[in-house]
N, C-alpha and C. Protein backbone atom coordinates (compact mmCIF):
# COMPACT_ATOMS: atom_id res chain seq x y z
N UNK A 1 56.06 21.38 17.05
CA UNK A 1 55.31 20.52 17.94
C UNK A 1 54.27 21.32 18.73
N UNK A 2 54.72 22.47 19.29
CA UNK A 2 53.79 23.29 20.06
C UNK A 2 52.67 23.81 19.17
N UNK A 3 53.00 24.17 17.93
CA UNK A 3 52.00 24.68 17.00
C UNK A 3 50.97 23.60 16.66
N UNK A 4 51.42 22.37 16.48
CA UNK A 4 50.52 21.26 16.18
C UNK A 4 49.60 20.99 17.36
N UNK A 5 50.15 20.99 18.56
CA UNK A 5 49.36 20.78 19.76
C UNK A 5 48.34 21.90 19.94
N UNK A 6 48.76 23.13 19.71
CA UNK A 6 47.87 24.28 19.82
C UNK A 6 46.75 24.19 18.79
N UNK A 7 47.07 23.80 17.57
CA UNK A 7 46.06 23.66 16.53
C UNK A 7 45.08 22.55 16.89
N UNK A 8 45.56 21.45 17.44
CA UNK A 8 44.69 20.34 17.84
C UNK A 8 43.76 20.77 18.97
N UNK A 9 44.30 21.47 19.96
CA UNK A 9 43.48 21.95 21.07
C UNK A 9 42.44 22.96 20.59
N UNK A 10 42.84 23.81 19.67
CA UNK A 10 41.92 24.80 19.13
C UNK A 10 40.76 24.13 18.40
N UNK A 11 41.08 23.11 17.59
CA UNK A 11 40.03 22.38 16.87
C UNK A 11 39.12 21.66 17.84
N UNK A 12 39.68 21.05 18.88
CA UNK A 12 38.87 20.35 19.88
C UNK A 12 37.96 21.32 20.62
N UNK A 13 38.48 22.48 20.96
CA UNK A 13 37.67 23.48 21.65
C UNK A 13 36.52 23.96 20.78
N UNK A 14 36.77 24.09 19.49
CA UNK A 14 35.72 24.52 18.57
C UNK A 14 34.62 23.47 18.52
N UNK A 15 34.98 22.20 18.45
CA UNK A 15 33.99 21.13 18.42
C UNK A 15 33.20 21.11 19.72
N UNK A 16 33.88 21.24 20.84
CA UNK A 16 33.20 21.22 22.13
C UNK A 16 32.29 22.43 22.31
N UNK A 17 32.64 23.55 21.70
CA UNK A 17 31.85 24.76 21.86
C UNK A 17 30.66 24.81 20.90
N UNK A 18 30.63 23.91 19.91
CA UNK A 18 29.52 23.92 18.95
C UNK A 18 28.23 23.64 19.69
N UNK A 19 27.19 24.39 19.39
CA UNK A 19 25.93 24.19 20.10
C UNK A 19 25.37 22.80 19.80
N UNK A 20 24.90 22.15 20.82
CA UNK A 20 24.28 20.84 20.65
C UNK A 20 22.86 21.03 20.12
N UNK A 21 22.47 20.15 19.24
CA UNK A 21 21.12 20.21 18.72
C UNK A 21 20.17 19.81 19.85
N UNK A 22 19.11 20.58 20.05
CA UNK A 22 18.19 20.30 21.13
C UNK A 22 17.40 19.03 20.83
N UNK A 23 17.29 18.18 21.82
CA UNK A 23 16.49 16.97 21.71
C UNK A 23 15.11 17.27 22.25
N UNK A 24 14.12 17.00 21.47
CA UNK A 24 12.75 17.21 21.91
C UNK A 24 12.13 15.84 22.16
N UNK A 25 11.87 15.53 23.39
CA UNK A 25 11.33 14.23 23.76
C UNK A 25 9.81 14.25 23.57
N UNK A 26 9.39 14.13 22.33
CA UNK A 26 7.96 14.21 22.04
C UNK A 26 7.18 13.03 22.58
N UNK A 27 7.84 11.90 22.81
CA UNK A 27 7.15 10.78 23.45
C UNK A 27 6.71 11.17 24.86
N UNK A 28 7.62 11.76 25.61
CA UNK A 28 7.29 12.20 26.97
C UNK A 28 6.33 13.39 26.93
N UNK A 29 6.53 14.30 25.97
CA UNK A 29 5.63 15.45 25.84
C UNK A 29 4.21 14.97 25.54
N UNK A 30 4.10 13.98 24.65
CA UNK A 30 2.80 13.42 24.30
C UNK A 30 2.15 12.79 25.53
N UNK A 31 2.91 11.97 26.23
CA UNK A 31 2.39 11.29 27.42
C UNK A 31 1.86 12.31 28.44
N UNK A 32 2.68 13.31 28.73
CA UNK A 32 2.28 14.33 29.69
C UNK A 32 1.06 15.11 29.24
N UNK A 33 1.02 15.43 27.95
CA UNK A 33 -0.11 16.21 27.43
C UNK A 33 -1.39 15.41 27.45
N UNK A 34 -1.31 14.14 27.05
CA UNK A 34 -2.52 13.30 27.04
C UNK A 34 -3.07 13.18 28.45
N UNK A 35 -2.20 12.93 29.41
CA UNK A 35 -2.67 12.78 30.79
C UNK A 35 -3.12 14.12 31.37
N UNK A 36 -2.47 15.19 31.01
CA UNK A 36 -2.91 16.51 31.46
C UNK A 36 -4.21 16.93 30.81
N UNK A 37 -4.33 16.65 29.50
CA UNK A 37 -5.53 17.03 28.75
C UNK A 37 -6.73 16.23 29.23
N UNK A 38 -6.59 14.93 29.38
CA UNK A 38 -7.73 14.11 29.78
C UNK A 38 -8.10 14.35 31.24
N UNK A 39 -7.16 14.86 32.02
CA UNK A 39 -7.45 15.12 33.42
C UNK A 39 -7.72 16.58 33.74
N UNK A 40 -7.77 17.42 32.71
CA UNK A 40 -8.00 18.85 32.95
C UNK A 40 -9.42 19.06 33.46
N UNK A 41 -9.54 19.25 34.76
CA UNK A 41 -10.86 19.36 35.39
C UNK A 41 -11.66 20.54 34.85
N UNK A 42 -10.97 21.60 34.46
CA UNK A 42 -11.66 22.80 34.03
C UNK A 42 -11.88 22.86 32.52
N UNK A 43 -11.47 21.81 31.80
CA UNK A 43 -11.60 21.81 30.35
C UNK A 43 -13.08 21.81 29.98
N UNK A 44 -13.42 22.66 29.04
CA UNK A 44 -14.80 22.75 28.56
C UNK A 44 -14.89 22.22 27.14
N UNK A 45 -16.09 21.84 26.69
CA UNK A 45 -16.25 21.29 25.34
C UNK A 45 -15.71 22.22 24.24
N UNK A 46 -15.82 23.52 24.40
CA UNK A 46 -15.31 24.42 23.36
C UNK A 46 -13.80 24.28 23.20
N UNK A 47 -13.11 23.98 24.31
CA UNK A 47 -11.66 23.80 24.23
C UNK A 47 -11.31 22.52 23.46
N UNK A 48 -12.12 21.50 23.62
CA UNK A 48 -11.93 20.28 22.82
C UNK A 48 -12.10 20.59 21.34
N UNK A 49 -13.10 21.40 21.01
CA UNK A 49 -13.31 21.78 19.61
C UNK A 49 -12.11 22.56 19.06
N UNK A 50 -11.58 23.48 19.86
CA UNK A 50 -10.40 24.24 19.43
C UNK A 50 -9.20 23.31 19.24
N UNK A 51 -8.99 22.41 20.20
CA UNK A 51 -7.84 21.49 20.11
C UNK A 51 -7.97 20.59 18.88
N UNK A 52 -9.17 20.09 18.63
CA UNK A 52 -9.37 19.23 17.46
C UNK A 52 -9.08 19.99 16.17
N UNK A 53 -9.55 21.24 16.09
CA UNK A 53 -9.29 22.05 14.90
C UNK A 53 -7.80 22.31 14.73
N UNK A 54 -7.11 22.53 15.83
CA UNK A 54 -5.66 22.73 15.79
C UNK A 54 -4.96 21.49 15.26
N UNK A 55 -5.27 20.36 15.86
CA UNK A 55 -4.58 19.11 15.51
C UNK A 55 -4.97 18.58 14.14
N UNK A 56 -6.10 19.03 13.61
CA UNK A 56 -6.52 18.63 12.27
C UNK A 56 -5.84 19.43 11.17
N UNK A 57 -5.09 20.47 11.54
CA UNK A 57 -4.43 21.32 10.55
C UNK A 57 -3.01 20.81 10.29
N UNK A 58 -2.85 20.11 9.18
CA UNK A 58 -1.54 19.56 8.84
C UNK A 58 -0.45 20.61 8.75
N UNK A 59 -0.79 21.81 8.29
CA UNK A 59 0.22 22.87 8.18
C UNK A 59 0.76 23.26 9.55
N UNK A 60 -0.06 23.11 10.58
CA UNK A 60 0.36 23.48 11.94
C UNK A 60 1.19 22.39 12.60
N UNK A 61 0.89 21.13 12.30
CA UNK A 61 1.55 20.05 13.05
C UNK A 61 2.51 19.19 12.25
N UNK A 62 2.52 19.29 10.93
CA UNK A 62 3.44 18.46 10.14
C UNK A 62 4.85 19.03 10.13
N UNK A 63 5.81 18.22 9.74
CA UNK A 63 7.21 18.66 9.72
C UNK A 63 7.65 19.02 11.12
N UNK A 64 8.29 20.16 11.25
CA UNK A 64 8.69 20.61 12.59
C UNK A 64 7.60 21.45 13.24
N UNK A 65 6.51 21.68 12.52
CA UNK A 65 5.35 22.36 13.08
C UNK A 65 5.39 23.87 12.90
N UNK A 66 4.22 24.44 13.01
CA UNK A 66 4.05 25.89 13.00
C UNK A 66 2.75 26.18 13.75
N UNK A 67 2.74 25.78 15.01
CA UNK A 67 1.53 25.85 15.82
C UNK A 67 0.95 27.25 15.92
N UNK A 68 1.82 28.24 15.99
CA UNK A 68 1.35 29.60 16.27
C UNK A 68 1.01 30.37 15.00
N UNK A 69 0.76 29.63 13.92
CA UNK A 69 0.20 30.22 12.70
C UNK A 69 -1.26 29.81 12.55
N UNK A 70 -1.77 29.06 13.50
CA UNK A 70 -3.12 28.53 13.46
C UNK A 70 -3.94 29.14 14.59
N UNK A 71 -5.05 29.80 14.22
CA UNK A 71 -5.88 30.48 15.23
C UNK A 71 -6.35 29.53 16.33
N UNK A 72 -6.78 28.33 15.95
CA UNK A 72 -7.31 27.40 16.95
C UNK A 72 -6.21 26.97 17.92
N UNK A 73 -5.00 26.75 17.42
CA UNK A 73 -3.89 26.36 18.30
C UNK A 73 -3.58 27.47 19.30
N UNK A 74 -3.55 28.70 18.81
CA UNK A 74 -3.27 29.84 19.69
C UNK A 74 -4.41 30.01 20.69
N UNK A 75 -5.65 29.95 20.22
CA UNK A 75 -6.80 30.16 21.10
C UNK A 75 -6.88 29.11 22.20
N UNK A 76 -6.70 27.83 21.84
CA UNK A 76 -6.78 26.80 22.88
C UNK A 76 -5.60 26.90 23.84
N UNK A 77 -4.43 27.26 23.34
CA UNK A 77 -3.26 27.39 24.20
C UNK A 77 -3.37 28.51 25.21
N UNK A 78 -4.17 29.51 24.89
CA UNK A 78 -4.34 30.65 25.81
C UNK A 78 -5.66 30.60 26.57
N UNK A 79 -6.52 29.64 26.26
CA UNK A 79 -7.88 29.65 26.80
C UNK A 79 -7.96 29.26 28.26
N UNK A 80 -6.95 28.58 28.78
CA UNK A 80 -7.02 28.14 30.17
C UNK A 80 -5.63 27.81 30.69
N UNK A 81 -5.40 28.15 31.94
CA UNK A 81 -4.12 27.80 32.56
C UNK A 81 -4.02 26.30 32.84
N UNK A 82 -5.07 25.55 32.57
CA UNK A 82 -5.04 24.09 32.68
C UNK A 82 -4.64 23.46 31.34
N UNK A 83 -4.60 24.24 30.28
CA UNK A 83 -4.24 23.74 28.95
C UNK A 83 -2.87 24.30 28.57
N UNK A 84 -2.79 25.55 28.31
CA UNK A 84 -1.58 26.28 27.94
C UNK A 84 -0.82 25.65 26.76
N UNK A 85 0.10 26.39 26.19
CA UNK A 85 0.80 25.96 24.98
C UNK A 85 1.53 24.63 25.09
N UNK A 86 2.03 24.30 26.26
CA UNK A 86 2.75 23.04 26.44
C UNK A 86 1.86 21.84 26.08
N UNK A 87 0.59 21.91 26.43
CA UNK A 87 -0.34 20.83 26.11
C UNK A 87 -0.58 20.77 24.61
N UNK A 88 -0.69 21.93 23.96
CA UNK A 88 -0.90 21.96 22.51
C UNK A 88 0.29 21.29 21.82
N UNK A 89 1.51 21.66 22.18
CA UNK A 89 2.69 21.06 21.56
C UNK A 89 2.76 19.57 21.88
N UNK A 90 2.45 19.20 23.10
CA UNK A 90 2.51 17.78 23.48
C UNK A 90 1.54 16.93 22.69
N UNK A 91 0.31 17.39 22.54
CA UNK A 91 -0.67 16.63 21.76
C UNK A 91 -0.30 16.61 20.28
N UNK A 92 0.26 17.70 19.78
CA UNK A 92 0.74 17.69 18.40
C UNK A 92 1.89 16.70 18.25
N UNK A 93 2.70 16.55 19.30
CA UNK A 93 3.79 15.59 19.29
C UNK A 93 3.32 14.15 19.27
N UNK A 94 2.10 13.90 19.72
CA UNK A 94 1.54 12.54 19.62
C UNK A 94 1.34 12.17 18.16
N UNK A 95 0.90 13.13 17.37
CA UNK A 95 0.64 12.89 15.95
C UNK A 95 1.91 12.96 15.12
N UNK A 96 2.88 13.74 15.58
CA UNK A 96 4.10 13.95 14.81
C UNK A 96 5.29 14.02 15.76
N UNK A 97 6.01 12.92 15.87
CA UNK A 97 7.16 12.87 16.77
C UNK A 97 8.28 13.81 16.36
N UNK A 98 8.24 14.34 15.13
CA UNK A 98 9.28 15.23 14.65
C UNK A 98 9.00 16.70 14.87
N UNK A 99 7.86 17.02 15.49
CA UNK A 99 7.52 18.43 15.69
C UNK A 99 8.52 19.08 16.65
N UNK A 100 8.82 20.33 16.40
CA UNK A 100 9.79 21.05 17.24
C UNK A 100 9.24 21.25 18.64
N UNK A 101 10.16 21.32 19.59
CA UNK A 101 9.79 21.63 20.97
C UNK A 101 9.11 23.00 21.03
N UNK A 102 8.45 23.24 22.13
CA UNK A 102 7.71 24.48 22.30
C UNK A 102 8.57 25.71 22.06
N UNK A 103 9.76 25.73 22.65
CA UNK A 103 10.61 26.92 22.52
C UNK A 103 11.27 27.03 21.15
N UNK A 104 11.13 26.02 20.31
CA UNK A 104 11.70 26.05 18.96
C UNK A 104 10.65 26.25 17.88
N UNK A 105 9.39 26.38 18.27
CA UNK A 105 8.33 26.63 17.30
C UNK A 105 8.55 28.00 16.65
N UNK A 106 8.11 28.16 15.39
CA UNK A 106 8.20 29.50 14.78
C UNK A 106 7.42 30.53 15.61
N UNK A 107 7.79 31.78 15.44
CA UNK A 107 7.10 32.85 16.15
C UNK A 107 5.63 32.93 15.77
N UNK A 108 4.86 33.52 16.67
CA UNK A 108 3.46 33.80 16.40
C UNK A 108 3.34 34.57 15.10
N UNK A 109 2.53 34.08 14.20
CA UNK A 109 2.31 34.75 12.92
C UNK A 109 1.77 36.16 13.19
N UNK A 110 2.48 37.17 12.71
CA UNK A 110 2.07 38.54 13.02
C UNK A 110 0.73 38.89 12.38
N UNK A 111 0.41 38.30 11.25
CA UNK A 111 -0.91 38.53 10.65
C UNK A 111 -2.02 37.99 11.54
N UNK A 112 -1.76 36.85 12.19
CA UNK A 112 -2.73 36.32 13.14
C UNK A 112 -2.87 37.29 14.32
N UNK A 113 -1.75 37.77 14.83
CA UNK A 113 -1.77 38.74 15.93
C UNK A 113 -2.54 39.99 15.53
N UNK A 114 -2.30 40.48 14.32
CA UNK A 114 -3.01 41.67 13.84
C UNK A 114 -4.51 41.41 13.78
N UNK A 115 -4.90 40.18 13.48
CA UNK A 115 -6.31 39.83 13.49
C UNK A 115 -6.91 39.88 14.89
N UNK A 116 -6.08 39.69 15.90
CA UNK A 116 -6.54 39.77 17.29
C UNK A 116 -6.71 41.22 17.72
N UNK A 117 -5.72 42.06 17.43
CA UNK A 117 -5.72 43.44 17.96
C UNK A 117 -6.28 44.47 16.99
N UNK A 118 -6.32 44.16 15.70
CA UNK A 118 -6.85 45.11 14.72
C UNK A 118 -5.74 45.87 14.00
N UNK A 119 -6.16 46.87 13.25
CA UNK A 119 -5.23 47.64 12.40
C UNK A 119 -4.12 48.35 13.17
N UNK A 120 -4.33 48.60 14.45
CA UNK A 120 -3.29 49.27 15.23
C UNK A 120 -2.01 48.43 15.29
N UNK A 121 -2.11 47.15 14.98
CA UNK A 121 -0.91 46.29 14.96
C UNK A 121 0.12 46.80 13.96
N UNK A 122 -0.35 47.50 12.91
CA UNK A 122 0.54 47.96 11.85
C UNK A 122 1.08 49.37 12.11
N UNK A 123 0.64 49.99 13.19
CA UNK A 123 1.18 51.30 13.56
C UNK A 123 2.64 51.14 13.97
N UNK A 124 3.44 52.19 13.87
CA UNK A 124 4.86 52.08 14.22
C UNK A 124 5.12 51.48 15.60
N UNK A 125 4.31 51.81 16.58
CA UNK A 125 4.49 51.28 17.93
C UNK A 125 3.72 49.99 18.16
N UNK A 126 2.86 49.61 17.21
CA UNK A 126 2.02 48.44 17.41
C UNK A 126 1.01 48.68 18.51
N UNK A 127 0.36 47.65 18.98
CA UNK A 127 -0.56 47.77 20.11
C UNK A 127 -0.72 46.41 20.76
N UNK A 128 -1.05 46.40 22.05
CA UNK A 128 -1.16 45.15 22.79
C UNK A 128 -2.57 44.54 22.69
N UNK A 129 -2.66 43.29 23.11
CA UNK A 129 -3.94 42.60 23.22
C UNK A 129 -4.62 43.11 24.49
N UNK A 130 -5.88 43.49 24.37
CA UNK A 130 -6.67 43.88 25.53
C UNK A 130 -7.57 42.71 25.94
N UNK A 131 -8.19 42.85 27.08
CA UNK A 131 -9.12 41.81 27.54
C UNK A 131 -10.21 41.59 26.50
N UNK A 132 -10.77 42.67 25.96
CA UNK A 132 -11.84 42.53 24.96
C UNK A 132 -11.31 41.86 23.69
N UNK A 133 -10.08 42.21 23.27
CA UNK A 133 -9.47 41.53 22.11
C UNK A 133 -9.39 40.03 22.35
N UNK A 134 -8.96 39.65 23.56
CA UNK A 134 -8.80 38.24 23.92
C UNK A 134 -10.14 37.51 23.83
N UNK A 135 -11.16 38.09 24.43
CA UNK A 135 -12.49 37.48 24.41
C UNK A 135 -12.98 37.34 22.97
N UNK A 136 -12.88 38.42 22.21
CA UNK A 136 -13.33 38.39 20.81
C UNK A 136 -12.55 37.36 20.00
N UNK A 137 -11.26 37.23 20.26
CA UNK A 137 -10.42 36.26 19.54
C UNK A 137 -10.90 34.83 19.78
N UNK A 138 -11.13 34.48 21.03
CA UNK A 138 -11.58 33.12 21.33
C UNK A 138 -12.94 32.86 20.69
N UNK A 139 -13.88 33.80 20.83
CA UNK A 139 -15.21 33.61 20.25
C UNK A 139 -15.17 33.59 18.72
N UNK A 140 -14.38 34.46 18.10
CA UNK A 140 -14.33 34.47 16.63
C UNK A 140 -13.67 33.20 16.10
N UNK A 141 -12.70 32.68 16.83
CA UNK A 141 -12.07 31.43 16.41
C UNK A 141 -13.06 30.28 16.50
N UNK A 142 -13.85 30.26 17.56
CA UNK A 142 -14.89 29.23 17.68
C UNK A 142 -15.89 29.33 16.53
N UNK A 143 -16.25 30.55 16.18
CA UNK A 143 -17.15 30.76 15.05
C UNK A 143 -16.51 30.28 13.75
N UNK A 144 -15.24 30.61 13.55
CA UNK A 144 -14.51 30.21 12.33
C UNK A 144 -14.46 28.70 12.15
N UNK A 145 -14.34 27.95 13.24
CA UNK A 145 -14.24 26.49 13.14
C UNK A 145 -15.61 25.82 13.16
N UNK A 146 -16.67 26.62 13.29
CA UNK A 146 -18.02 26.05 13.31
C UNK A 146 -18.35 25.33 14.60
N UNK A 147 -17.79 25.80 15.69
CA UNK A 147 -18.01 25.15 16.99
C UNK A 147 -19.47 25.23 17.40
N UNK A 148 -19.93 24.16 18.03
CA UNK A 148 -21.27 24.16 18.61
C UNK A 148 -21.20 24.36 20.12
N UNK A 149 -20.00 24.61 20.63
CA UNK A 149 -19.81 24.82 22.07
C UNK A 149 -19.08 26.15 22.28
N UNK A 150 -19.40 26.78 23.40
CA UNK A 150 -18.86 28.10 23.72
C UNK A 150 -18.44 28.11 25.18
N UNK A 151 -17.62 29.08 25.60
CA UNK A 151 -17.28 29.17 27.02
C UNK A 151 -18.54 29.25 27.87
N UNK A 152 -18.51 28.61 29.04
CA UNK A 152 -19.69 28.62 29.90
C UNK A 152 -20.02 30.03 30.37
N UNK A 153 -19.01 30.89 30.46
CA UNK A 153 -19.25 32.30 30.77
C UNK A 153 -18.00 33.10 30.41
N UNK A 154 -18.22 34.36 30.10
CA UNK A 154 -17.09 35.25 29.82
C UNK A 154 -16.24 35.40 31.08
N UNK A 155 -16.89 35.47 32.24
CA UNK A 155 -16.15 35.60 33.49
C UNK A 155 -15.18 34.43 33.70
N UNK A 156 -15.62 33.22 33.35
CA UNK A 156 -14.74 32.06 33.51
C UNK A 156 -13.59 32.13 32.50
N UNK A 157 -13.88 32.54 31.26
CA UNK A 157 -12.82 32.69 30.26
C UNK A 157 -11.77 33.69 30.75
N UNK A 158 -12.22 34.75 31.36
CA UNK A 158 -11.30 35.75 31.91
C UNK A 158 -10.49 35.16 33.07
N UNK A 159 -11.17 34.45 33.98
CA UNK A 159 -10.48 33.97 35.19
C UNK A 159 -9.51 32.82 34.91
N UNK A 160 -9.80 31.96 33.93
CA UNK A 160 -8.89 30.83 33.68
C UNK A 160 -8.00 31.03 32.44
N UNK A 161 -8.31 32.05 31.64
CA UNK A 161 -7.53 32.30 30.43
C UNK A 161 -6.80 33.63 30.48
N UNK A 162 -7.56 34.71 30.48
CA UNK A 162 -6.97 36.04 30.40
C UNK A 162 -6.14 36.39 31.63
N UNK A 163 -6.70 36.21 32.82
CA UNK A 163 -5.98 36.61 34.04
C UNK A 163 -4.68 35.83 34.22
N UNK A 164 -4.66 34.50 34.03
CA UNK A 164 -3.38 33.80 34.11
C UNK A 164 -2.37 34.26 33.06
N UNK A 165 -2.86 34.64 31.87
CA UNK A 165 -1.97 35.18 30.84
C UNK A 165 -1.34 36.49 31.32
N UNK A 166 -2.16 37.37 31.90
CA UNK A 166 -1.62 38.62 32.46
C UNK A 166 -0.62 38.33 33.57
N UNK A 167 -0.96 37.38 34.43
CA UNK A 167 -0.06 37.03 35.54
C UNK A 167 1.28 36.52 35.01
N UNK A 168 1.24 35.72 33.94
CA UNK A 168 2.47 35.16 33.39
C UNK A 168 3.31 36.25 32.73
N UNK A 169 2.67 37.11 31.94
CA UNK A 169 3.42 38.12 31.19
C UNK A 169 3.86 39.30 32.05
N UNK A 170 3.14 39.57 33.14
CA UNK A 170 3.48 40.69 34.03
C UNK A 170 3.52 42.01 33.26
N UNK A 171 2.53 42.23 32.39
CA UNK A 171 2.51 43.44 31.55
C UNK A 171 1.34 44.36 31.86
N UNK A 172 0.77 44.24 33.04
CA UNK A 172 -0.35 45.12 33.38
C UNK A 172 -1.66 44.56 32.88
N UNK A 173 -2.48 45.42 32.25
CA UNK A 173 -3.81 44.99 31.84
C UNK A 173 -3.92 44.69 30.34
N UNK A 174 -2.78 44.59 29.66
CA UNK A 174 -2.76 44.23 28.24
C UNK A 174 -1.47 43.45 27.96
N UNK A 175 -1.42 42.82 26.78
CA UNK A 175 -0.28 41.96 26.47
C UNK A 175 0.27 42.31 25.09
N UNK A 176 1.48 42.88 25.02
CA UNK A 176 2.10 43.18 23.73
C UNK A 176 2.49 41.91 22.97
N UNK A 177 2.72 42.07 21.67
CA UNK A 177 3.08 40.94 20.81
C UNK A 177 4.24 40.13 21.38
N UNK A 178 5.34 40.79 21.73
CA UNK A 178 6.53 40.07 22.17
C UNK A 178 6.25 39.22 23.39
N UNK A 179 5.49 39.74 24.33
CA UNK A 179 5.18 38.99 25.55
C UNK A 179 4.23 37.83 25.26
N UNK A 180 3.27 38.04 24.34
CA UNK A 180 2.37 36.96 23.98
C UNK A 180 3.14 35.86 23.24
N UNK A 181 4.02 36.25 22.36
CA UNK A 181 4.87 35.29 21.65
C UNK A 181 5.72 34.51 22.65
N UNK A 182 6.30 35.19 23.64
CA UNK A 182 7.07 34.50 24.67
C UNK A 182 6.20 33.51 25.44
N UNK A 183 4.99 33.93 25.78
CA UNK A 183 4.05 33.04 26.48
C UNK A 183 3.84 31.75 25.69
N UNK A 184 3.64 31.88 24.38
CA UNK A 184 3.40 30.71 23.54
C UNK A 184 4.62 29.79 23.47
N UNK A 185 5.80 30.32 23.71
CA UNK A 185 7.02 29.52 23.60
C UNK A 185 7.59 29.03 24.94
N UNK A 186 7.28 29.71 26.03
CA UNK A 186 7.97 29.41 27.28
C UNK A 186 7.08 29.17 28.49
N UNK A 187 5.77 29.27 28.34
CA UNK A 187 4.89 29.09 29.51
C UNK A 187 4.74 27.63 29.88
């Protein structure tokens, strides 16, 4: 009798300890993102172009998503503290209610990261994103998508994009891969 009771309790404890599948409320994420995006006072036309290019990429937003494998998604998510990755995931959730939550998105594609920082990414220690890498990344992504709009000034891109990224990561004057990947998942 005691053995049966112990076995039953053990089985119940195992079921209770099983991790619950995370629920991603993409309806609410979509609502918040739409209202945040349309009300982003500092949003510039180039950011709209980046967001449109991101959301037009089925590989980035279909299924459970892979937002951080798309240059435009990464660039718009980092371009302003009024946009940030949460808005990118939320707007993608409007198009695809099955997309994974921000913290469940696949990691930043390392080949994309290497395109930001250059060949030093493949060195044993890797290398971080610098301010100049960040600026070049946003501008090259705009060029890649054929944008007809650009940041109003480099100083503004630094003040609303780069500096808030540094403040969030707390990594000094550059941002290593791991911290940038964390930013894309948890900011």
